[in-house]
Amino acid sequence: MGLIQNVIEGAGIATISATMKPEITQYVRAPRAARLRLPQGNPLGEAGRARQQRGILGDLLRLPWVMGEPESIVTLPHRWRREARPSVVLPGGGSGEAPAAL
C-alpha cells in the first residue's frame, strides 16, 4: 500500500494507511501511516462494533491533516477488546489447534 501511496502523494493528494505491521510500512517508506493494535484482517475494528469502527475511521480521516513529519507512523489508541474464543475440542481429545510444526 505504501508504494501506491507514494504515487498518489506525488500527485498532490494526501493519504494515510492503516497498518498492523509498522516495520513493513516503514520499509516501503509510506508517507503517513497509523498503527492499529488489532489482528490482521481487521483494520477497522471488530465486526458488529459500529461505534468502534466509526472512531477508527474518523481518526484515519483526520490524521493526514495533522501529521507533519514525512514517513511518520503514529499509534492509534484503539485496542481489540473481544475475548479470545475458546479452542474447539475435537472428538478423541484433540484441541483443534494446529501443531507448532505446521
N, C-alpha and C. Protein backbone atom coordinates (compact mmCIF):
# COMPACT_ATOMS: atom_id res chain seq x y z
N MET A 1 0.82 -1.19 0.00
CA MET A 1 0.00 0.00 0.00
C MET A 1 0.86 1.25 0.00
N GLY A 2 1.99 1.22 0.71
CA GLY A 2 2.85 2.39 0.79
C GLY A 2 3.38 2.82 -0.56
N LEU A 3 3.63 1.87 -1.44
CA LEU A 3 4.14 2.22 -2.77
C LEU A 3 3.08 2.98 -3.56
N ILE A 4 1.84 2.56 -3.44
CA ILE A 4 0.73 3.24 -4.12
C ILE A 4 0.54 4.63 -3.50
N GLN A 5 0.67 4.70 -2.18
CA GLN A 5 0.55 5.99 -1.50
C GLN A 5 1.54 7.00 -2.05
N ASN A 6 2.76 6.56 -2.27
CA ASN A 6 3.79 7.48 -2.78
C ASN A 6 3.41 8.06 -4.13
N VAL A 7 2.81 7.26 -5.00
CA VAL A 7 2.38 7.75 -6.31
C VAL A 7 1.24 8.76 -6.15
N ILE A 8 0.27 8.45 -5.31
CA ILE A 8 -0.86 9.35 -5.07
C ILE A 8 -0.39 10.66 -4.45
N GLU A 9 0.50 10.55 -3.47
CA GLU A 9 1.05 11.76 -2.84
C GLU A 9 1.81 12.61 -3.85
N GLY A 10 2.48 11.96 -4.81
CA GLY A 10 3.20 12.69 -5.85
C GLY A 10 2.28 13.54 -6.70
N ALA A 11 1.00 13.16 -6.75
CA ALA A 11 0.01 13.93 -7.50
C ALA A 11 -0.63 15.02 -6.63
N GLY A 12 -0.16 15.15 -5.37
CA GLY A 12 -0.66 16.20 -4.50
C GLY A 12 -1.86 15.84 -3.65
N ILE A 13 -2.17 14.56 -3.54
CA ILE A 13 -3.31 14.12 -2.74
C ILE A 13 -2.79 13.48 -1.46
N ALA A 14 -3.24 13.99 -0.31
CA ALA A 14 -2.81 13.46 0.98
C ALA A 14 -3.40 12.07 1.20
N THR A 15 -2.59 11.18 1.77
CA THR A 15 -3.04 9.82 2.04
C THR A 15 -2.66 9.39 3.46
N ILE A 16 -3.28 8.31 3.88
CA ILE A 16 -2.95 7.67 5.16
C ILE A 16 -3.17 6.18 4.98
N SER A 17 -2.34 5.37 5.60
CA SER A 17 -2.58 3.94 5.55
C SER A 17 -2.71 3.42 6.98
N ALA A 18 -3.51 2.39 7.13
CA ALA A 18 -3.66 1.70 8.41
C ALA A 18 -2.74 0.49 8.37
N THR A 19 -1.96 0.30 9.41
CA THR A 19 -1.03 -0.81 9.42
C THR A 19 -1.05 -1.56 10.75
N MET A 20 -0.89 -2.86 10.65
CA MET A 20 -0.70 -3.68 11.83
C MET A 20 0.75 -4.14 11.91
N LYS A 21 1.50 -3.85 10.86
CA LYS A 21 2.91 -4.22 10.77
C LYS A 21 3.73 -2.97 10.44
N PRO A 22 3.99 -2.11 11.43
CA PRO A 22 4.68 -0.86 11.15
C PRO A 22 6.09 -1.04 10.57
N GLU A 23 6.74 -2.16 10.87
CA GLU A 23 8.08 -2.38 10.33
C GLU A 23 8.04 -2.53 8.81
N ILE A 24 7.00 -3.12 8.26
CA ILE A 24 6.85 -3.25 6.81
C ILE A 24 6.48 -1.89 6.22
N THR A 25 5.59 -1.18 6.87
CA THR A 25 5.18 0.14 6.40
C THR A 25 6.37 1.08 6.36
N GLN A 26 7.22 1.00 7.36
CA GLN A 26 8.42 1.84 7.40
C GLN A 26 9.38 1.46 6.27
N TYR A 27 9.48 0.18 5.97
CA TYR A 27 10.38 -0.30 4.93
C TYR A 27 10.01 0.25 3.55
N VAL A 28 8.70 0.33 3.25
CA VAL A 28 8.27 0.83 1.94
C VAL A 28 8.15 2.36 1.92
N ARG A 29 8.47 2.98 3.06
CA ARG A 29 8.51 4.43 3.18
C ARG A 29 7.17 5.09 2.84
N ALA A 30 6.11 4.56 3.44
CA ALA A 30 4.79 5.16 3.26
C ALA A 30 4.81 6.59 3.79
N PRO A 31 4.17 7.52 3.10
CA PRO A 31 4.19 8.92 3.52
C PRO A 31 3.62 9.15 4.93
N ARG A 32 2.51 8.52 5.23
CA ARG A 32 1.86 8.64 6.53
C ARG A 32 1.15 7.34 6.84
N ALA A 33 1.22 6.91 8.09
CA ALA A 33 0.54 5.67 8.46
C ALA A 33 0.09 5.73 9.91
N ALA A 34 -0.94 4.97 10.20
CA ALA A 34 -1.43 4.83 11.56
C ALA A 34 -1.33 3.36 11.95
N ARG A 35 -0.63 3.10 13.04
CA ARG A 35 -0.52 1.73 13.55
C ARG A 35 -1.75 1.43 14.40
N LEU A 36 -2.37 0.32 14.09
CA LEU A 36 -3.52 -0.13 14.86
C LEU A 36 -3.16 -1.44 15.53
N ARG A 37 -3.41 -1.53 16.81
CA ARG A 37 -3.10 -2.76 17.55
C ARG A 37 -4.32 -3.68 17.49
N LEU A 38 -4.58 -4.15 16.28
CA LEU A 38 -5.70 -5.02 16.00
C LEU A 38 -5.19 -6.23 15.24
N PRO A 39 -5.92 -7.34 15.25
CA PRO A 39 -5.47 -8.52 14.50
C PRO A 39 -5.48 -8.27 12.99
N GLN A 40 -4.63 -8.98 12.29
CA GLN A 40 -4.59 -8.90 10.83
C GLN A 40 -5.99 -9.14 10.26
N GLY A 41 -6.33 -8.43 9.23
CA GLY A 41 -7.62 -8.60 8.58
C GLY A 41 -8.74 -7.80 9.22
N ASN A 42 -8.43 -7.03 10.26
CA ASN A 42 -9.44 -6.25 10.95
C ASN A 42 -9.00 -4.79 11.11
N PRO A 43 -8.63 -4.12 10.02
CA PRO A 43 -8.06 -2.78 10.15
C PRO A 43 -9.03 -1.73 10.67
N LEU A 44 -10.31 -1.99 10.61
CA LEU A 44 -11.28 -1.01 11.11
C LEU A 44 -11.98 -1.50 12.38
N GLY A 45 -11.46 -2.53 13.01
CA GLY A 45 -12.02 -2.97 14.28
C GLY A 45 -12.84 -4.23 14.19
N GLU A 46 -13.54 -4.49 15.28
CA GLU A 46 -14.29 -5.72 15.43
C GLU A 46 -15.62 -5.68 14.67
N ALA A 47 -15.97 -6.80 14.07
CA ALA A 47 -17.24 -6.92 13.36
C ALA A 47 -18.40 -6.65 14.32
N GLY A 48 -19.36 -5.88 13.84
CA GLY A 48 -20.54 -5.59 14.64
C GLY A 48 -20.36 -4.46 15.64
N ARG A 49 -19.19 -3.86 15.71
CA ARG A 49 -18.95 -2.75 16.65
C ARG A 49 -18.83 -1.45 15.88
N ALA A 50 -19.99 -0.97 15.42
CA ALA A 50 -20.04 0.22 14.56
C ALA A 50 -19.42 1.45 15.21
N ARG A 51 -19.62 1.63 16.49
CA ARG A 51 -19.06 2.80 17.17
C ARG A 51 -17.53 2.77 17.13
N GLN A 52 -16.95 1.61 17.39
CA GLN A 52 -15.50 1.46 17.32
C GLN A 52 -15.01 1.71 15.89
N GLN A 53 -15.70 1.16 14.93
CA GLN A 53 -15.30 1.32 13.53
C GLN A 53 -15.37 2.78 13.09
N ARG A 54 -16.42 3.48 13.49
CA ARG A 54 -16.54 4.91 13.16
C ARG A 54 -15.41 5.71 13.80
N GLY A 55 -15.06 5.36 15.03
CA GLY A 55 -13.97 6.05 15.72
C GLY A 55 -12.65 5.86 15.00
N ILE A 56 -12.35 4.64 14.60
CA ILE A 56 -11.10 4.36 13.89
C ILE A 56 -11.09 5.09 12.55
N LEU A 57 -12.17 4.98 11.80
CA LEU A 57 -12.25 5.63 10.50
C LEU A 57 -12.13 7.15 10.63
N GLY A 58 -12.78 7.72 11.62
CA GLY A 58 -12.69 9.16 11.85
C GLY A 58 -11.26 9.58 12.15
N ASP A 59 -10.57 8.81 12.99
CA ASP A 59 -9.16 9.13 13.29
C ASP A 59 -8.31 9.04 12.03
N LEU A 60 -8.52 8.01 11.23
CA LEU A 60 -7.74 7.85 10.00
C LEU A 60 -7.97 9.00 9.03
N LEU A 61 -9.20 9.48 8.93
CA LEU A 61 -9.51 10.58 8.01
C LEU A 61 -8.95 11.92 8.48
N ARG A 62 -8.77 12.10 9.80
CA ARG A 62 -8.21 13.34 10.33
C ARG A 62 -6.68 13.37 10.27
N LEU A 63 -6.05 12.23 10.37
CA LEU A 63 -4.60 12.19 10.51
C LEU A 63 -3.79 12.85 9.39
N PRO A 64 -4.16 12.71 8.12
CA PRO A 64 -3.31 13.35 7.09
C PRO A 64 -3.16 14.85 7.29
N TRP A 65 -4.10 15.49 7.94
CA TRP A 65 -4.07 16.94 8.10
C TRP A 65 -3.29 17.37 9.34
N VAL A 66 -2.98 16.45 10.24
CA VAL A 66 -2.28 16.83 11.46
C VAL A 66 -0.88 16.22 11.57
N MET A 67 -0.57 15.26 10.71
CA MET A 67 0.76 14.64 10.74
C MET A 67 1.70 15.48 9.89
N GLY A 68 2.75 15.99 10.51
CA GLY A 68 3.66 16.85 9.78
C GLY A 68 4.88 16.15 9.23
N GLU A 69 5.46 15.26 9.99
CA GLU A 69 6.71 14.61 9.62
C GLU A 69 6.49 13.58 8.52
N PRO A 70 7.20 13.70 7.38
CA PRO A 70 7.05 12.69 6.32
C PRO A 70 7.51 11.31 6.81
N GLU A 71 6.88 10.30 6.27
CA GLU A 71 7.19 8.90 6.58
C GLU A 71 7.02 8.60 8.07
N SER A 72 6.06 9.26 8.71
CA SER A 72 5.84 9.02 10.13
C SER A 72 4.71 8.03 10.34
N ILE A 73 4.80 7.34 11.46
CA ILE A 73 3.78 6.35 11.84
C ILE A 73 3.34 6.70 13.26
N VAL A 74 2.04 6.92 13.42
CA VAL A 74 1.50 7.17 14.76
C VAL A 74 0.71 5.93 15.19
N THR A 75 0.68 5.70 16.48
CA THR A 75 -0.08 4.58 17.02
C THR A 75 -1.40 5.11 17.55
N LEU A 76 -2.49 4.59 17.01
CA LEU A 76 -3.81 4.99 17.49
C LEU A 76 -4.15 4.21 18.76
N PRO A 77 -4.96 4.79 19.63
CA PRO A 77 -5.23 4.16 20.93
C PRO A 77 -6.23 3.01 20.89
N HIS A 78 -6.82 2.74 19.76
CA HIS A 78 -7.85 1.71 19.68
C HIS A 78 -7.24 0.33 19.94
N ARG A 79 -7.96 -0.49 20.70
CA ARG A 79 -7.47 -1.83 21.05
C ARG A 79 -8.55 -2.86 20.77
N TRP A 80 -8.12 -4.08 20.55
CA TRP A 80 -9.02 -5.21 20.36
C TRP A 80 -9.55 -5.61 21.72
N ARG A 81 -10.84 -5.58 21.90
CA ARG A 81 -11.44 -5.85 23.21
C ARG A 81 -12.12 -7.23 23.30
N ARG A 82 -12.37 -7.81 22.16
CA ARG A 82 -13.08 -9.08 22.15
C ARG A 82 -12.28 -10.13 22.90
N GLU A 83 -12.97 -10.92 23.69
CA GLU A 83 -12.29 -12.00 24.41
C GLU A 83 -11.91 -13.10 23.44
N ALA A 84 -10.82 -13.77 23.74
CA ALA A 84 -10.38 -14.88 22.89
C ALA A 84 -11.43 -15.97 22.91
N ARG A 85 -11.66 -16.54 21.75
CA ARG A 85 -12.62 -17.63 21.66
C ARG A 85 -11.99 -18.89 22.21
N PRO A 86 -12.76 -19.72 22.88
CA PRO A 86 -12.19 -20.97 23.39
C PRO A 86 -11.81 -21.90 22.25
N SER A 87 -10.81 -22.72 22.49
CA SER A 87 -10.38 -23.69 21.48
C SER A 87 -11.47 -24.71 21.24
N VAL A 88 -11.55 -25.19 20.02
CA VAL A 88 -12.51 -26.22 19.66
C VAL A 88 -11.99 -27.56 20.17
N VAL A 89 -12.84 -28.30 20.82
CA VAL A 89 -12.43 -29.62 21.29
C VAL A 89 -12.95 -30.65 20.30
N LEU A 90 -12.04 -31.39 19.71
CA LEU A 90 -12.39 -32.40 18.72
C LEU A 90 -12.61 -33.74 19.38
N PRO A 91 -13.43 -34.58 18.75
CA PRO A 91 -13.61 -35.94 19.29
C PRO A 91 -12.25 -36.64 19.36
N GLY A 92 -12.01 -37.36 20.41
CA GLY A 92 -10.74 -38.05 20.57
C GLY A 92 -9.74 -37.23 21.36
N GLY A 93 -10.15 -36.07 21.87
CA GLY A 93 -9.27 -35.31 22.75
C GLY A 93 -8.41 -34.26 22.08
N GLY A 94 -8.46 -34.14 20.77
CA GLY A 94 -7.66 -33.09 20.11
C GLY A 94 -8.21 -31.72 20.41
N SER A 95 -7.36 -30.73 20.43
CA SER A 95 -7.79 -29.37 20.80
C SER A 95 -8.29 -28.57 19.61
N GLY A 96 -8.01 -28.99 18.39
CA GLY A 96 -8.42 -28.24 17.22
C GLY A 96 -7.40 -27.21 16.80
N GLU A 97 -6.30 -27.07 17.57
CA GLU A 97 -5.26 -26.13 17.20
C GLU A 97 -4.21 -26.84 16.36
N ALA A 98 -3.63 -26.13 15.43
CA ALA A 98 -2.62 -26.71 14.56
C ALA A 98 -1.35 -26.98 15.36
N PRO A 99 -0.66 -28.10 15.09
CA PRO A 99 0.60 -28.35 15.77
C PRO A 99 1.62 -27.28 15.43
N ALA A 100 2.53 -27.02 16.36
CA ALA A 100 3.52 -25.96 16.19
C ALA A 100 4.38 -26.17 14.95
N ALA A 101 4.56 -27.41 14.51
CA ALA A 101 5.43 -27.70 13.36
C ALA A 101 4.83 -27.22 12.05
N LEU A 102 3.54 -26.95 12.01
CA LEU A 102 2.91 -26.50 10.76
C LEU A 102 3.18 -25.10 10.53
